[in-house]
Protein backbone atom coordinates (compact mmCIF):
# COMPACT_ATOMS: atom_id res chain seq x y z
CA MET A 1 114.05 85.18 98.04
CA LEU A 2 113.92 86.71 94.57
CA ALA A 3 112.34 90.15 94.09
CA LEU A 4 112.31 93.14 91.77
CA ALA A 5 113.16 96.73 92.72
CA SER A 6 114.55 99.90 91.20
CA VAL A 7 118.33 100.23 91.34
CA ASP A 8 118.03 103.31 93.57
CA ALA A 9 115.76 101.55 96.06
CA ALA A 10 117.93 98.42 96.22
CA SER A 11 121.08 100.50 96.69
CA ARG A 12 119.63 102.05 99.86
CA VAL A 13 118.93 98.72 101.60
CA PRO A 14 121.57 97.95 104.24
CA GLY A 15 123.30 94.62 103.75
CA LEU A 16 122.67 94.32 100.02
CA ALA A 17 125.79 94.15 97.87
CA ARG A 18 125.79 95.03 94.18
CA ARG A 19 127.35 92.25 92.10
CA LEU A 20 129.50 92.83 89.02
CA ARG A 21 127.48 90.36 86.97
CA THR A 22 124.05 91.12 85.54
CA VAL A 23 121.02 88.94 84.90
CA SER A 24 119.44 88.82 81.46
CA ALA A 25 115.68 89.00 81.09
CA SER A 26 113.63 88.98 77.90
CA VAL A 27 110.57 91.23 77.66
CA ALA A 28 108.54 91.32 74.44
CA GLY A 29 111.51 90.04 72.41
CA GLN A 30 113.95 92.56 73.90
CA THR A 31 116.75 91.59 76.27
CA ARG A 32 117.31 93.62 79.42
CA ASP A 33 120.37 93.35 81.63
CA LEU A 34 119.32 93.66 85.24
CA VAL A 35 121.63 94.68 88.09
CA LEU A 36 121.96 91.91 90.68
CA PHE A 37 122.02 92.70 94.41
CA GLU A 38 122.66 89.98 96.97
CA GLY A 39 122.53 89.78 100.75
CA ARG A 40 120.85 88.26 103.79
CA ALA A 41 117.52 89.18 105.33
CA ALA A 42 117.98 91.20 108.53
CA ARG A 43 115.76 88.98 110.70
CA SER A 44 116.36 85.55 109.15
CA ASP A 45 118.90 83.49 107.25
CA ALA A 46 117.08 83.95 103.96
CA GLN A 47 119.28 84.76 100.98
CA LEU A 48 118.08 87.82 99.09
CA LEU A 49 118.46 88.19 95.33
CA ILE A 50 117.17 91.57 94.19
CA LEU A 51 116.92 92.38 90.50
CA GLY A 52 117.52 96.09 89.95
CA THR A 53 115.67 97.83 87.12
CA ALA A 54 116.34 101.25 85.66
CA GLY A 55 112.90 102.51 86.60
CA PRO A 56 109.34 101.54 87.42
CA THR A 57 107.80 98.68 85.48
CA THR A 58 104.23 97.92 84.47
CA ARG A 59 102.37 94.91 85.82
CA ALA A 60 102.96 92.85 82.68
CA GLU A 61 106.64 93.84 82.51
CA THR A 62 107.15 92.75 86.11
CA VAL A 63 105.60 89.34 85.35
CA ALA A 64 107.77 88.89 82.27
CA ILE A 65 110.99 90.03 83.99
CA LEU A 66 110.53 87.71 86.98
CA ASP A 67 109.77 84.77 84.69
CA SER A 68 112.73 85.32 82.38
CA ALA A 69 115.16 86.15 85.21
CA THR A 70 114.13 83.02 87.08
CA ARG A 71 114.95 80.94 84.02
CA SER A 72 118.34 82.67 83.65
CA LEU A 73 119.26 82.22 87.31
CA THR A 74 118.20 78.57 87.18
CA ALA A 75 120.24 77.93 84.03
CA ASP A 76 123.30 79.54 85.66
CA GLY A 77 122.90 77.38 88.75
CA LEU A 78 122.35 80.32 91.10
CA ILE A 79 118.99 79.04 92.27
CA ALA A 80 117.73 75.46 92.53
CA PRO A 81 114.80 75.53 94.94
CA GLN A 82 113.02 72.43 96.12
CA VAL A 83 110.06 74.63 97.07
CA ALA A 84 108.90 77.75 95.23
CA ILE A 85 106.40 80.23 96.67
CA GLY A 86 105.00 82.78 94.25
CA TRP A 87 103.98 85.75 96.40
CA GLY A 88 101.27 87.66 94.59
CA GLU A 89 100.17 87.88 90.98
CA PRO A 90 103.48 89.33 89.67
CA ALA A 91 105.08 85.93 90.41
CA ALA A 92 102.44 84.02 88.45
CA ALA A 93 104.65 83.09 85.49
CA ALA A 94 107.86 82.60 87.49
CA LEU A 95 106.37 79.60 89.32
CA SER A 96 106.40 77.56 86.12
CA ALA A 97 109.97 78.69 85.42
CA THR A 98 111.35 76.85 88.44
CA SER A 99 112.18 73.17 88.77
CA ALA A 100 110.79 73.08 92.33
CA ALA A 101 108.97 69.92 93.35
CA ALA A 102 106.43 71.94 95.36
CA ARG A 103 105.02 75.22 94.08
CA LEU A 104 102.61 77.42 96.04
CA PHE A 105 100.82 80.45 94.61
CA VAL A 106 99.97 82.94 97.37
CA LEU A 107 97.32 85.66 97.03
CA PRO A 108 98.34 87.82 100.01
CA THR A 109 95.69 90.55 99.71
CA GLY A 110 92.74 88.17 99.47
CA ARG A 111 91.78 89.89 96.23
CA THR A 112 92.49 89.29 92.56
CA GLY A 113 93.68 91.88 90.10
CA ALA A 114 91.90 93.20 87.05
CA PRO A 115 91.87 91.08 83.88
CA LEU A 116 94.80 91.57 81.55
CA THR A 117 94.39 94.28 78.95
CA ALA A 118 95.01 93.65 75.26
CA ASP A 119 98.41 95.37 75.52
CA GLU A 120 99.39 93.24 78.53
CA THR A 121 98.31 90.08 76.77
CA ALA A 122 100.37 91.04 73.74
CA LEU A 123 103.47 91.74 75.88
CA LEU A 124 103.26 88.48 77.82
CA GLY A 125 102.59 86.53 74.63
CA PRO A 126 103.93 82.95 74.86
CA LEU A 127 103.72 82.90 78.68
CA LEU A 128 99.94 82.76 78.45
CA LEU A 129 99.46 79.08 77.79
CA GLY A 130 96.56 76.88 78.80
CA ASP A 131 92.86 77.55 78.42
CA ASP A 132 91.27 80.83 77.38
CA SER A 133 91.03 82.16 80.95
CA ALA A 134 94.83 82.02 81.32
CA SER A 135 95.21 84.53 78.50
CA HIS A 136 93.19 87.10 80.44
CA SER A 137 94.10 86.48 84.08
CA LEU A 138 97.32 86.40 86.07
CA VAL A 139 95.55 84.32 88.70
CA ALA A 140 94.81 81.63 86.13
CA LEU A 141 98.45 81.77 84.99
CA GLY A 142 99.62 81.26 88.56
CA CYS A 143 97.23 78.35 89.05
CA LEU A 144 98.72 76.59 86.03
CA GLY A 145 102.15 76.45 87.65
CA ALA A 146 101.09 75.77 91.25
CA ASN A 147 100.33 72.68 93.30
CA ALA A 148 98.17 74.69 95.70
CA ILE A 149 96.71 78.18 96.11
CA VAL A 150 97.14 79.94 99.46
CA GLY A 151 94.91 82.78 100.69
CA PRO A 152 94.86 84.83 103.91
CA SER A 153 91.44 83.75 105.28
CA PRO A 154 88.38 81.60 104.62
CA SER A 155 86.44 84.80 103.86
CA ALA A 156 88.93 85.70 101.17
CA ALA A 157 88.59 82.24 99.65
CA ARG A 158 84.81 82.55 99.49
CA ALA A 159 85.00 86.03 98.00
CA MET A 160 87.48 84.98 95.30
CA GLU A 161 85.66 81.83 94.25
CA SER A 162 83.84 83.71 91.50
CA ASP A 163 87.07 84.83 89.81
CA PRO A 164 87.32 82.97 86.49
CA GLY A 165 91.03 82.43 87.03
CA LEU A 166 90.44 80.43 90.20
CA ALA A 167 87.39 78.68 88.82
CA SER A 168 89.47 77.22 85.98
CA ARG A 169 92.16 75.65 88.19
CA ALA A 170 92.62 71.90 88.25
CA SER A 171 90.02 69.99 90.26
CA ASP A 172 92.69 68.52 92.54
CA GLU A 173 94.42 71.87 93.17
CA PRO A 174 93.38 72.97 96.67
CA PHE A 175 92.73 76.49 97.92
CA LEU A 176 94.19 76.66 101.42
CA ASN A 177 93.91 79.37 104.08
CA VAL A 178 96.82 80.50 106.23
CA ARG A 179 96.73 83.33 108.75
CA PHE A 180 99.53 85.77 107.98
CA GLY A 181 101.81 87.12 110.69
CA CYS A 182 101.99 90.76 111.73
CA ASP A 183 105.37 91.02 113.46
CA ASP A 184 107.35 92.13 110.41
CA PRO A 185 109.68 95.10 111.09
CA PRO A 186 109.18 97.64 112.51
CA HIS A 187 106.10 96.09 114.18
CA ASP A 188 107.67 94.86 117.40
CA PRO A 189 106.68 96.63 120.63
CA ALA A 190 110.05 95.79 122.17
CA THR A 191 112.07 97.54 119.44
CA ASP A 192 109.65 99.84 117.56
CA PRO A 193 111.44 103.21 117.20
CA ALA A 194 108.09 105.05 117.16
CA LEU A 195 107.48 104.19 120.81
CA PRO A 196 108.86 106.16 123.75
CA ALA A 197 109.47 103.04 125.83
CA THR A 198 111.03 100.07 124.03
CA SER A 199 113.74 98.91 126.41
CA GLY A 200 113.75 97.66 129.95
CA GLY A 201 110.82 96.65 132.08
CA THR A 202 108.04 94.26 131.21
CA PRO A 203 105.74 94.46 128.19
CA LEU A 204 102.97 95.74 130.48
CA SER A 205 105.15 98.48 131.97
CA ARG A 206 106.28 99.56 128.50
CA LYS A 207 102.67 99.77 127.41
CA ALA A 208 101.77 101.84 130.49
CA GLU A 209 104.57 104.28 129.65
CA CYS A 210 103.29 104.60 126.07
CA ARG A 211 99.81 105.28 127.45
CA ARG A 212 101.10 108.12 129.63
CA ALA A 213 103.14 109.56 126.75
CA LEU A 214 100.15 109.65 124.40
CA ALA A 215 98.00 111.32 127.05
CA ARG A 216 100.66 114.02 127.47
CA ARG A 217 100.99 114.56 123.74
CA CYS A 218 97.23 114.94 123.30
CA SER A 219 96.71 116.93 126.54
CA VAL A 220 93.98 114.60 127.77
CA ALA A 221 93.32 113.37 131.29
CA VAL A 222 93.52 109.59 131.52
CA GLY A 223 92.68 107.98 134.84
CA PRO A 224 93.46 104.43 135.96
CA ARG A 225 90.08 103.17 134.69
CA THR A 226 89.76 105.40 131.64
CA LEU A 227 89.46 103.56 128.34
CA LEU A 228 92.01 105.11 125.98
CA LEU A 229 90.56 104.40 122.56
CA ALA A 230 92.41 104.73 119.25
CA THR A 231 90.85 104.49 115.80
CA GLY A 232 91.81 102.83 112.57
CA PRO A 233 91.49 104.63 109.22
CA LEU A 234 88.23 106.59 109.03
CA ARG A 235 86.09 105.57 106.09
CA GLY A 236 83.71 107.75 104.13
CA ASP A 237 80.93 105.14 104.01
CA ASP A 238 78.22 103.96 106.40
CA ALA A 239 80.82 102.20 108.55
CA GLY A 240 82.75 105.44 109.03
CA GLU A 241 79.56 107.33 109.81
CA ALA A 242 78.62 104.75 112.44
CA ILE A 243 82.02 105.10 114.15
CA LEU A 244 81.96 108.91 114.25
CA SER A 245 78.38 108.96 115.50
CA ALA A 246 79.28 106.47 118.24
CA ILE A 247 82.31 108.52 119.32
CA ALA A 248 80.08 111.60 119.61
CA ARG A 249 77.81 109.75 122.05
CA LEU A 250 80.64 108.54 124.28
CA ALA A 251 81.04 111.93 126.00
CA PRO A 252 79.21 110.89 129.25
CA PHE A 253 81.52 107.90 129.73
CA ASP A 254 85.11 107.56 130.92
CA VAL A 255 86.43 107.15 127.40
CA VAL A 256 89.13 109.23 125.70
CA THR A 257 89.36 108.80 121.93
CA VAL A 258 92.57 109.54 120.03
CA ILE A 259 92.12 109.70 116.27
CA VAL A 260 94.96 109.24 113.80
CA PRO A 261 93.92 111.44 110.84
CA HIS A 262 94.17 108.95 108.02
CA GLY A 263 91.33 107.87 105.77
CA ASP A 264 88.53 109.83 104.13
CA PRO A 265 89.18 113.63 104.25
CA ALA A 266 85.55 114.48 105.01
CA ALA A 267 85.49 111.99 107.89
CA ILE A 268 88.72 113.47 109.26
CA ASP A 269 87.23 116.97 109.12
CA ARG A 270 84.27 115.75 111.12
CA ALA A 271 86.64 114.18 113.64
CA ARG A 272 88.35 117.54 114.09
CA LEU A 273 84.94 119.10 114.73
CA LEU A 274 84.33 116.48 117.44
CA GLN A 275 87.65 117.51 118.99
CA LEU A 276 86.41 121.10 119.23
CA GLN A 277 83.08 120.01 120.66
CA GLN A 278 84.59 117.60 123.21
CA PRO A 279 88.01 118.91 124.30
CA GLY A 280 89.69 116.48 126.62
CA ARG A 281 87.53 113.63 125.37
CA VAL A 282 88.41 113.54 121.67
CA ALA A 283 91.85 114.35 120.30
CA VAL A 284 93.07 114.27 116.71
CA LEU A 285 96.80 113.77 116.23
CA ALA A 286 98.56 116.45 114.21
CA ALA A 287 100.01 113.94 111.74
CA ALA A 288 99.11 110.62 110.21
CA THR A 289 102.48 108.99 109.63
CA ASP A 290 103.10 105.29 110.12
CA GLU A 291 105.02 106.18 113.27
CA ASP A 292 102.01 108.08 114.68
CA ALA A 293 99.70 105.17 113.92
CA ARG A 294 102.03 102.68 115.64
CA PHE A 295 102.45 104.94 118.66
CA ALA A 296 98.69 105.40 119.06
CA ARG A 297 98.12 101.66 118.66
CA ALA A 298 100.75 100.80 121.26
CA ALA A 299 99.46 103.35 123.79
CA ALA A 300 95.74 102.67 123.45
CA ASP A 301 93.77 100.22 125.54
CA ALA A 302 91.53 99.40 122.58
CA ILE A 303 91.36 100.29 118.91
CA LEU A 304 88.13 100.87 117.01
CA LEU A 305 88.27 99.30 113.54
CA GLY A 306 85.64 99.90 110.89
CA ASP A 307 86.70 98.07 107.73
CA ASP A 308 83.83 95.69 107.01
CA HIS A 309 85.56 94.38 103.86
CA ASP A 310 88.73 93.17 105.60
CA ARG A 311 89.93 89.86 104.13
CA ILE A 312 93.29 89.66 105.94
CA GLY A 313 92.74 90.72 109.55
CA ARG A 314 96.08 92.53 109.69
CA SER A 315 94.77 95.59 111.56
CA ALA A 316 93.35 93.41 114.32
CA GLY A 317 96.50 91.28 114.34
CA LEU A 318 98.68 94.36 114.83
CA ALA A 319 96.45 95.48 117.69
CA LEU A 320 96.92 92.11 119.41
CA LEU A 321 100.68 92.34 118.92
CA TYR A 322 100.77 95.65 120.79
CA GLY A 323 98.45 94.43 123.56
CA THR A 324 95.53 96.52 122.33
CA LEU A 325 91.99 95.13 122.32
CA PRO A 326 90.47 95.13 118.80
CA ILE A 327 86.89 96.41 118.57
CA ALA A 328 86.01 95.21 115.10
CA PRO A 329 83.07 94.42 112.80
CA ASP A 330 82.06 90.77 113.00
CA VAL A 331 82.59 90.08 109.29
CA GLY A 332 85.35 88.95 106.95
CA ALA A 333 88.70 87.93 108.37
CA ASN A 334 87.77 89.38 111.78
CA HIS A 335 84.91 86.88 111.94
CA ASP A 336 87.27 84.11 110.83
CA TYR A 337 90.06 84.71 113.32
CA LEU A 338 88.81 86.76 116.30
CA VAL A 339 86.76 85.50 119.24
CA ASP A 340 84.35 87.81 121.04
CA TYR A 341 85.44 88.20 124.66
CA ASP A 342 83.34 86.50 127.32
CA PRO A 343 84.02 87.80 130.87
CA ALA A 344 82.42 84.74 132.51
CA SER A 345 84.86 82.28 130.96
CA ARG A 346 87.63 84.85 130.40
CA THR A 347 88.04 83.73 126.82
CA GLY A 348 88.27 85.74 123.62
CA ASP A 349 90.56 88.31 122.07
CA ALA A 350 88.29 91.04 120.70
CA ILE A 351 85.00 92.90 120.99
CA LEU A 352 82.97 92.16 117.86
CA TYR A 353 79.99 94.18 116.65
CA ASN A 354 77.53 94.22 113.77
CA PRO A 355 78.81 96.76 111.23
CA ALA A 356 77.24 100.02 110.03
CA SER A 357 75.27 100.62 113.25
CA SER A 358 76.39 103.42 115.56
CA PHE A 359 74.45 101.86 118.44
CA GLU A 360 76.33 98.58 117.98
CA VAL A 361 79.64 100.45 117.90
CA GLU A 362 78.79 102.41 121.05
CA SER A 363 77.73 99.24 122.83
CA ALA A 364 80.99 97.54 121.85
CA VAL A 365 83.07 100.43 123.23
CA ARG A 366 81.10 100.40 126.47
CA ARG A 367 81.78 96.67 126.80
CA ALA A 368 85.49 97.43 126.45
CA LEU A 369 85.15 100.18 129.08
CA SER A 370 83.67 97.74 131.58
CA LEU A 371 86.58 95.36 130.98
CA ARG A 372 89.11 98.18 131.41
CA ALA A 373 87.55 99.10 134.76
CA ASP A 374 88.07 95.57 136.11
CA SER A 375 91.80 95.12 136.72
CA ASP A 376 91.35 91.44 137.57
CA LEU A 377 90.10 90.90 134.01
CA TRP A 378 92.07 93.55 132.17
CA THR A 379 95.66 92.84 133.16
CA PRO A 380 95.67 89.15 132.20
CA LEU A 381 93.67 89.97 129.05
CA VAL A 382 96.37 92.36 127.77
CA THR A 383 99.02 89.69 128.35
CA GLU A 384 96.94 87.12 126.48
CA LEU A 385 96.40 89.52 123.56
CA MET A 386 100.15 89.91 123.10
CA ALA A 387 100.76 86.18 123.38
CA GLY A 388 98.02 85.33 120.89
CA ALA A 389 99.03 87.77 118.15
CA PRO A 390 99.61 86.17 114.73
CA ARG A 391 103.33 85.81 114.05
CA TRP A 392 105.21 84.95 110.89
CA SER A 393 106.86 81.99 112.60
CA ALA A 394 103.42 80.38 112.88
CA THR A 395 102.70 81.26 109.24
CA ALA A 396 105.97 79.64 108.17
CA THR A 397 105.11 76.50 110.13
CA ALA A 398 101.69 76.30 108.46
CA ILE A 399 103.21 76.73 105.00
CA ALA A 400 105.86 74.11 105.78
CA GLU A 401 103.08 71.66 106.63
CA ILE A 402 101.40 72.40 103.30
CA VAL A 403 104.69 71.78 101.51
CA ASP A 404 105.20 68.47 103.33
CA GLU A 405 101.75 67.34 102.29
CA THR A 406 102.45 68.38 98.71
CA LEU A 407 105.72 66.46 98.59
CA SER A 408 104.35 63.37 100.32
CA PRO A 409 103.52 60.56 97.92
CA PRO A 410 99.80 59.75 97.66
CA GLY A 411 98.53 57.01 99.93
């Protein structure tokens, strides 16, 4: 795994050793000597090669450094991959710099970056070969060196089809969709340091302890059938308005909503007003750190998501990982990967609703409340959510299958 980082950042990573040798990289005719750090990934056997820079780099500089450093490392015999995976647009040029038999260009966000500026085009210079679109787009540059393009969801593929960089790719170069995992550190309910209960007991008992701890922190009364509802980032658009309006109307029901104050400031202010109006029913956490968000997600029975432009489905995937029922808009990656729960057949892994309607959001939460009140449905559902969460091992298997197909001779 080859990546770029500042020297200070790389020096703070446990397990990375600074080598005496440097790696030369050419940027706009100037040679830079990069510090080389080497080590092993903490959760796998992957070898890490980190190129340390003196400071932050621009987008075009990152592309040029990765390309030139890849050529240097290949010439020195330090890397000789059979398969190369360019992760994101910064790796667009480096794909062509490898001698790998299979090269995949991954667009992990499901979105493409802005066209190259005149200054960026001038800096990258000879790297921008091919048709005219390649001189204005990193996506087009990545397509030139790849055997296949990989995106995070079918929705992302449809949304990116209009990008000129993808439109100009070879006719036999496929765009493939792979669901990305969510269990990257520290997102593991068994070891997450943000949780009060991460050792001993069963996953269900650990989740119950987290639920009790969050109720104590927020000073809310949570009964055995109460739906403890967390929220994702609050948006300042119609979707955010629909969620806040729905929460306001949940007062007559056995629902306690815990809000992590991240998102649009005006929406967060309104959430704090709801807390004053409905003490004991709505609570806003004091902080909005990553640790607070993970704790709330792990403790909640369900999480209310409002991003109706989600092309990855990571928020819902994290909810599944922590045994928390996603209540999500039925669009984008959520529509691609989640299945609306059906009590009759006991199938599904989410509650899906039509976005930007507070009545739809309220109805979805009330459906989750009815599930929470039925222990015969709820307990096995939580177990199934955890088991069905997207994991990186499954992503790796899917990518390995793509590589095998790429390397297989035609016919």
